[in-house]
Amino acid sequence: MTKEFDIKKHSLVPTHTKLTEEEAKKVLDEFNITKDEIPKILLSDAAIKDLTPEYGDVIKISRPSPTNTKTTFYRVVVNG
């Protein structure tokens, strides 16, 4: 019997959140960038599988930081 592993519960996997269109627009406007200028994350990435992502969605990644409370990164979902 094989036990299924939940990657989201691993201590080294940061919190991933799918932004709404409004939230994504606010982030893009705040940084004065387009989705083409954001680093990419694959649609098949195991860390976002349960978020039901679609091509073009913006994912917020929150990581603990040794010099700050947390650090936030953004990625746009692409086909890979």
Protein backbone atom coordinates (compact mmCIF):
# COMPACT_ATOMS: atom_id res chain seq x y z
CA MET A 1 0.00 0.00 0.00
CA THR A 2 1.50 3.31 -1.09
CA LYS A 3 0.91 6.42 0.94
CA GLU A 4 0.38 9.54 -1.19
CA PHE A 5 2.71 12.43 -0.38
CA ASP A 6 1.26 15.96 -0.12
CA ILE A 7 3.95 18.33 -1.38
CA LYS A 8 2.11 21.35 0.11
CA LYS A 9 2.80 20.04 3.62
CA HIS A 10 6.58 19.85 3.14
CA SER A 11 8.48 22.33 5.30
CA LEU A 12 10.49 23.70 2.36
CA VAL A 13 7.47 24.46 0.13
CA PRO A 14 6.28 28.06 0.60
CA THR A 15 2.64 29.14 0.59
CA HIS A 16 1.18 29.53 -2.91
CA THR A 17 -2.00 31.54 -3.52
CA LYS A 18 -3.82 32.21 -6.81
CA LEU A 19 -4.70 35.89 -7.17
CA THR A 20 -8.01 37.10 -8.53
CA GLU A 21 -7.92 39.19 -11.70
CA GLU A 22 -8.42 42.34 -9.62
CA GLU A 23 -5.59 41.43 -7.22
CA ALA A 24 -3.30 40.58 -10.13
CA LYS A 25 -4.07 43.89 -11.86
CA LYS A 26 -3.31 45.76 -8.62
CA VAL A 27 0.09 44.01 -8.30
CA LEU A 28 0.95 44.67 -11.96
CA ASP A 29 -0.02 48.33 -11.61
CA GLU A 30 1.90 48.68 -8.34
CA PHE A 31 5.12 47.43 -9.93
CA ASN A 32 4.36 48.98 -13.35
CA ILE A 33 4.92 45.66 -15.16
CA THR A 34 3.06 43.27 -17.45
CA LYS A 35 2.50 39.53 -17.09
CA ASP A 36 5.27 39.01 -19.67
CA GLU A 37 7.77 40.56 -17.24
CA ILE A 38 6.94 38.32 -14.27
CA PRO A 39 8.93 35.11 -13.70
CA LYS A 40 7.07 31.98 -14.81
CA ILE A 41 5.69 28.91 -13.06
CA LEU A 42 4.59 25.82 -14.95
CA LEU A 43 0.94 24.83 -15.04
CA SER A 44 2.10 21.32 -14.08
CA ASP A 45 4.00 22.48 -10.95
CA ALA A 46 3.01 20.26 -8.02
CA ALA A 47 2.87 23.20 -5.59
CA ILE A 48 -0.04 24.84 -7.45
CA LYS A 49 -1.92 21.73 -8.58
CA ASP A 50 -4.72 22.12 -6.01
CA LEU A 51 -5.24 25.82 -6.89
CA THR A 52 -6.78 24.77 -10.24
CA PRO A 53 -4.57 27.25 -12.11
CA GLU A 54 -5.12 28.33 -15.69
CA TYR A 55 -2.71 29.76 -18.21
CA GLY A 56 -2.06 33.44 -17.37
CA ASP A 57 -3.05 33.31 -13.69
CA VAL A 58 -0.79 35.14 -11.26
CA ILE A 59 0.44 33.13 -8.26
CA LYS A 60 1.60 34.79 -5.04
CA ILE A 61 4.36 32.93 -3.19
CA SER A 62 5.04 33.83 0.46
CA ARG A 63 8.27 32.59 2.00
CA PRO A 64 9.68 33.07 5.49
CA SER A 65 12.68 35.38 5.42
CA PRO A 66 15.70 35.39 7.76
CA THR A 67 15.93 39.20 7.53
CA ASN A 68 12.23 40.05 7.31
CA THR A 69 8.99 38.49 8.53
CA LYS A 70 8.20 37.10 5.08
CA THR A 71 9.09 37.72 1.46
CA THR A 72 6.55 37.77 -1.35
CA PHE A 73 7.17 36.71 -4.94
CA TYR A 74 4.85 36.58 -7.94
CA ARG A 75 4.78 34.12 -10.84
CA VAL A 76 2.60 33.85 -13.94
CA VAL A 77 1.32 30.43 -14.95
CA VAL A 78 2.57 29.14 -18.31
CA ASN A 79 2.20 25.88 -20.22
CA GLY A 80 5.32 23.82 -20.10
